[in-house]
Protein backbone atom coordinates (compact mmCIF):
# COMPACT_ATOMS: atom_id res chain seq x y z
CA MET A 1 72.69 77.68 69.78
CA GLU A 2 71.84 74.44 71.52
CA GLY A 3 74.74 72.10 72.15
CA GLY A 4 77.60 74.60 71.66
CA PHE A 5 80.92 74.42 73.47
CA TYR A 6 82.17 77.12 75.83
CA ILE A 7 85.98 77.54 75.81
CA TYR A 8 87.72 78.54 79.05
CA ALA A 9 91.40 78.02 78.38
CA ILE A 10 94.15 76.34 76.39
CA VAL A 11 96.41 73.97 78.31
CA GLY A 12 99.63 72.14 77.67
CA THR A 13 98.47 68.53 77.84
CA ALA A 14 97.70 65.75 75.38
CA GLU A 15 95.59 63.72 77.78
CA PRO A 16 91.80 63.66 77.76
CA ALA A 17 90.67 64.57 81.26
CA VAL A 18 87.74 65.99 83.21
CA LEU A 19 88.00 68.76 85.79
CA ASP A 20 86.03 68.46 89.01
CA VAL A 21 84.59 71.97 88.81
CA PRO A 22 81.21 73.28 87.57
CA GLY A 23 81.02 74.82 84.13
CA ILE A 24 79.58 78.19 83.22
CA ASP A 25 75.99 76.91 83.11
CA GLY A 26 76.22 75.00 86.38
CA ASN A 27 74.13 72.33 84.70
CA GLY A 28 76.28 69.28 85.43
CA GLU A 29 77.92 69.16 82.01
CA PRO A 30 81.54 68.05 82.49
CA VAL A 31 84.42 70.46 82.03
CA GLU A 32 86.74 68.43 79.84
CA MET A 33 89.91 68.57 77.80
CA LEU A 34 89.59 68.57 74.03
CA PRO A 35 93.13 67.56 72.97
CA HIS A 36 94.89 67.84 69.66
CA GLY A 37 98.53 66.86 69.56
CA ASP A 38 100.31 68.25 72.61
CA ILE A 39 97.75 70.91 73.57
CA ALA A 40 94.08 70.93 74.53
CA ALA A 41 91.13 73.26 74.89
CA VAL A 42 89.26 73.30 78.19
CA VAL A 43 85.56 73.20 77.27
CA SER A 44 82.08 72.32 78.42
CA ARG A 45 78.78 72.04 76.60
CA CYS A 46 76.67 75.16 76.99
CA LYS A 47 73.05 76.02 76.35
CA ALA A 48 73.40 79.71 75.49
CA ASP A 49 74.85 81.41 72.44
CA ARG A 50 76.02 84.41 74.49
CA TYR A 51 76.94 85.11 78.12
CA ASP A 52 76.74 88.55 79.72
CA VAL A 53 79.59 89.64 81.94
CA ALA A 54 77.63 88.80 85.09
CA ARG A 55 79.26 88.00 88.40
CA ALA A 56 78.21 84.34 88.53
CA SER A 57 79.40 83.64 84.98
CA VAL A 58 82.72 85.42 85.45
CA ILE A 59 83.38 83.54 88.69
CA ALA A 60 82.58 80.22 87.01
CA HIS A 61 84.96 81.03 84.16
CA GLN A 62 87.67 82.02 86.67
CA ARG A 63 87.27 78.85 88.74
CA VAL A 64 87.66 76.62 85.71
CA MET A 65 90.84 78.47 84.72
CA GLU A 66 92.22 78.12 88.25
CA ALA A 67 91.48 74.38 88.29
CA ALA A 68 93.22 73.95 84.94
CA MET A 69 96.18 76.08 86.02
CA ALA A 70 96.71 73.85 89.05
CA ARG A 71 97.44 70.89 86.73
CA TRP A 72 98.97 72.24 83.52
CA PRO A 73 100.47 75.35 81.90
CA MET A 74 97.37 77.38 81.05
CA LEU A 75 96.43 80.22 78.70
CA PRO A 76 93.23 82.12 79.56
CA VAL A 77 90.69 82.42 76.75
CA ARG A 78 88.69 85.65 76.70
CA PHE A 79 85.34 85.41 78.48
CA GLY A 80 82.39 84.48 76.29
CA CYS A 81 84.05 82.35 73.62
CA ILE A 82 81.63 79.74 72.22
CA ALA A 83 82.12 77.27 69.37
CA ASN A 84 79.44 75.46 67.39
CA HIS A 85 81.12 72.08 67.64
CA ARG A 86 84.33 70.27 68.62
CA ASP A 87 85.78 70.18 65.11
CA GLN A 88 85.59 73.96 64.90
CA ILE A 89 87.77 74.26 68.01
CA VAL A 90 90.31 71.75 66.74
CA GLU A 91 90.56 73.24 63.23
CA LYS A 92 90.34 76.97 63.99
CA VAL A 93 92.23 77.07 67.28
CA LEU A 94 94.31 74.04 68.20
CA LEU A 95 95.51 73.27 64.68
CA ALA A 96 95.55 76.70 63.01
CA ARG A 97 97.25 78.44 65.97
CA HIS A 98 99.32 75.53 67.29
CA ASP A 99 102.77 77.14 67.15
CA GLU A 100 101.57 80.45 68.61
CA LEU A 101 99.81 78.68 71.49
CA CYS A 102 102.79 76.44 72.23
CA ASP A 103 105.08 79.48 72.43
CA LEU A 104 102.72 81.18 74.86
CA LEU A 105 102.36 78.02 76.95
CA GLU A 106 106.13 77.82 77.22
CA MET A 107 106.20 81.43 78.39
CA VAL A 108 103.69 80.85 81.23
CA ALA A 109 104.90 77.38 82.24
CA ASP A 110 105.72 77.16 85.96
CA LYS A 111 104.59 80.75 86.50
CA ALA A 112 101.57 82.46 88.03
CA GLU A 113 100.21 85.97 88.33
CA LEU A 114 100.37 87.80 91.65
CA GLY A 115 98.50 91.08 92.12
CA LEU A 116 99.42 93.88 94.50
CA LYS A 117 97.45 97.04 95.28
CA VAL A 118 98.82 99.61 97.75
CA LEU A 119 96.56 102.26 99.29
CA TRP A 120 97.14 105.06 101.78
CA THR A 121 95.07 104.62 104.94
CA ASP A 122 94.86 108.26 106.17
CA MET A 123 94.21 110.76 103.37
CA PRO A 124 93.98 113.86 105.64
CA ALA A 125 97.52 113.06 106.79
CA ILE A 126 98.67 112.64 103.18
CA PHE A 127 97.17 115.99 102.17
CA ALA A 128 98.91 117.59 105.18
CA GLU A 129 102.19 116.10 103.94
CA ILE A 130 101.56 117.54 100.49
CA VAL A 131 101.11 121.03 101.94
CA ASP A 132 104.30 120.70 104.02
CA GLU A 133 106.30 119.38 101.04
CA ASN A 134 105.20 122.12 98.61
CA PRO A 135 105.98 125.74 99.51
CA ARG A 136 103.85 127.07 96.62
CA ILE A 137 100.81 125.17 97.86
CA LYS A 138 101.46 126.29 101.43
CA ALA A 139 101.72 129.93 100.29
CA ALA A 140 98.60 129.70 98.12
CA ARG A 141 96.65 128.13 100.97
CA ALA A 142 97.81 130.83 103.40
CA HIS A 143 96.90 133.54 100.89
CA ALA A 144 93.43 132.10 100.42
CA SER A 145 92.94 131.82 104.19
CA SER A 146 93.90 135.48 104.69
CA ARG A 147 91.30 136.79 102.28
CA THR A 148 87.81 137.65 103.41
CA ALA A 149 86.38 136.07 100.24
CA VAL A 150 87.99 133.30 98.23
CA THR A 151 87.12 133.50 94.53
CA PRO A 152 86.16 130.38 92.56
CA ALA A 153 89.34 130.86 90.52
CA ASP A 154 91.44 130.73 93.70
CA GLY A 155 89.76 127.48 94.71
CA VAL A 156 90.22 125.90 91.28
CA ARG A 157 93.90 126.93 91.14
CA LEU A 158 94.63 125.55 94.61
CA GLY A 159 92.75 122.35 93.83
CA GLU A 160 94.77 121.80 90.65
CA MET A 161 98.03 122.38 92.52
CA VAL A 162 97.07 119.80 95.17
CA LYS A 163 95.89 117.30 92.54
CA ASN A 164 99.15 117.54 90.60
CA ALA A 165 101.21 117.24 93.76
CA LEU A 166 99.22 114.18 94.79
CA GLU A 167 99.92 112.48 91.44
CA ARG A 168 103.64 113.24 91.75
CA LYS A 169 103.69 111.86 95.29
CA LYS A 170 101.91 108.68 94.15
CA ALA A 171 104.42 108.20 91.33
CA ARG A 172 107.40 108.63 93.69
CA GLU A 173 106.07 106.19 96.26
CA ALA A 174 105.02 103.68 93.59
CA ARG A 175 108.53 103.69 92.09
CA HIS A 176 110.02 103.16 95.55
CA ILE A 177 107.69 100.22 96.23
CA LEU A 178 108.28 98.61 92.83
CA ARG A 179 112.06 98.69 93.28
CA ARG A 180 111.68 96.40 96.28
CA PHE A 181 110.48 93.60 93.98
CA ASP A 182 113.18 93.87 91.32
CA GLY A 183 114.74 90.48 90.62
CA HIS A 184 111.70 88.57 91.90
CA TRP A 185 109.47 88.65 88.81
CA PHE A 186 109.57 87.41 85.22
CA ASP A 187 107.26 90.15 83.90
CA ARG A 188 105.42 93.08 85.40
CA LYS A 189 102.46 95.31 84.50
CA VAL A 190 101.67 98.57 86.25
CA ASN A 191 97.96 99.19 85.83
CA ASP A 192 95.86 102.33 86.29
CA VAL A 193 95.08 103.44 89.83
CA PHE A 194 91.62 104.54 90.96
CA GLY A 195 90.74 107.13 93.60
CA ASP A 196 92.98 109.31 95.74
CA PRO A 197 94.16 106.60 98.19
CA MET A 198 95.50 104.08 95.63
CA ILE A 199 99.24 104.43 95.09
CA LEU A 200 99.97 101.29 93.12
CA ASN A 201 98.03 98.69 91.16
CA ALA A 202 100.51 96.17 89.76
CA SER A 203 100.51 92.62 88.43
CA PHE A 204 103.55 90.37 88.43
CA LEU A 205 104.23 87.18 86.51
CA VAL A 206 106.33 85.16 88.93
CA GLU A 207 108.06 81.82 88.61
CA ARG A 208 106.60 79.31 91.03
CA ARG A 209 110.02 78.71 92.61
CA HIS A 210 110.20 82.43 93.50
CA GLU A 211 106.70 82.79 94.99
CA GLN A 212 107.90 82.48 98.59
CA GLU A 213 110.58 85.12 98.00
CA PHE A 214 107.92 87.42 96.55
CA ASP A 215 105.62 86.73 99.51
CA GLY A 216 108.50 87.68 101.80
CA CYS A 217 108.94 91.02 100.01
CA VAL A 218 105.24 91.77 100.48
CA GLU A 219 105.39 90.86 104.17
CA ALA A 220 108.47 93.04 104.67
CA LEU A 221 106.77 95.99 102.95
CA GLU A 222 103.69 95.61 105.12
CA GLY A 223 105.77 95.39 108.28
CA GLU A 224 107.74 98.55 107.50
CA THR A 225 104.86 100.88 106.69
CA ASN A 226 103.53 101.12 110.27
CA GLY A 227 99.95 101.22 109.05
CA ARG A 228 100.54 104.12 106.64
CA VAL A 229 99.41 101.96 103.75
CA ARG A 230 97.11 98.99 103.27
CA LEU A 231 98.08 96.15 100.94
CA LYS A 232 95.74 94.01 98.84
CA TYR A 233 97.76 90.99 97.73
CA VAL A 234 96.16 88.24 95.63
CA GLY A 235 97.39 85.11 93.89
CA PRO A 236 98.39 82.87 92.45
CA ILE A 237 95.77 83.60 89.81
CA PRO A 238 95.50 82.98 86.03
CA PRO A 239 97.88 85.27 84.11
CA LEU A 240 95.15 87.42 82.56
CA ASN A 241 97.25 90.58 82.67
CA PHE A 242 99.98 88.96 80.59
CA VAL A 243 98.24 86.75 78.05
CA GLU A 244 94.69 86.26 76.83
CA VAL A 245 93.71 84.14 73.85
CA VAL A 246 91.13 85.87 71.68
CA VAL A 247 89.26 83.51 69.36
CA THR A 248 87.35 84.64 66.29
CA TRP A 249 85.60 82.29 63.86
CA GLU A 250 85.88 84.35 60.67
C-alpha cells in the first residue's frame, strides 16, 4: 500500500504541528499532527502495508509517542496501525470516536507511567530463608538427606513445597513493597513476574506533580534493602499499561 499513513498516537491538540523525530520508516517523511476539532492523530506517511514487531520499528514507534507525550496529553495507538488515507483517519477515528478519545485524554492529562521491577540479588540466600521459615520443608529436606537413596517422588514433592513457598514469599514481599507507594499514584497495575528472582513487576500511572514524591519512595526503598534486592525503575514513559487505542477499519 504505497502512500499509506502510519498512526502512532492520539493527542489533545487542535494545532497542526510537526515532531522533530524520525518516523517508523526512517525515510525523512515528517511525523505530523492530523487535527480534527480539539484532537489530532500523530501520523507519518509509510511505504509498507504491514510492520513486523521488530526492535527498530518498535523503538521508532516508542520514540514518536514519547515526543508527542512531552507536548500534549497522549493516547498510545497499538503498534502497526496503518490507514489508506487521511480522510479515513478523520472519519473512522477522530470523528467517530471523538467523545471516547476525549474522555481518555482527560484521564491521562498531566500523568505519566512509571515502571518498577524488584528482583532478589542472592537466590541461594533466599532459598536458605525459605527452608528456615518452613518447618515442613526443613523436615522433608532432612529426611531426604538421611536416606541412602532419594526417590524421584521425594525430589518432586520437595521441589513443589519449595516452589509454593517461594511464590508465597514473593507475594508477601510484593504486598509490603506496594504499600510503600500508596497515596502516590493515580492508577496501578501489577503485572506477571518472570523467573525466580523477580518479586514485583508493577506499573504506576502518576500525576506529574507527584513524580518527585514517587522517585523519593523508590530511593528510600533502594536505600533500605542493603543490596538484598535490585530495582529496575523506568519512566516517565507512555501509559501503555493503562490505555491503548485499538483501531479497526471495518
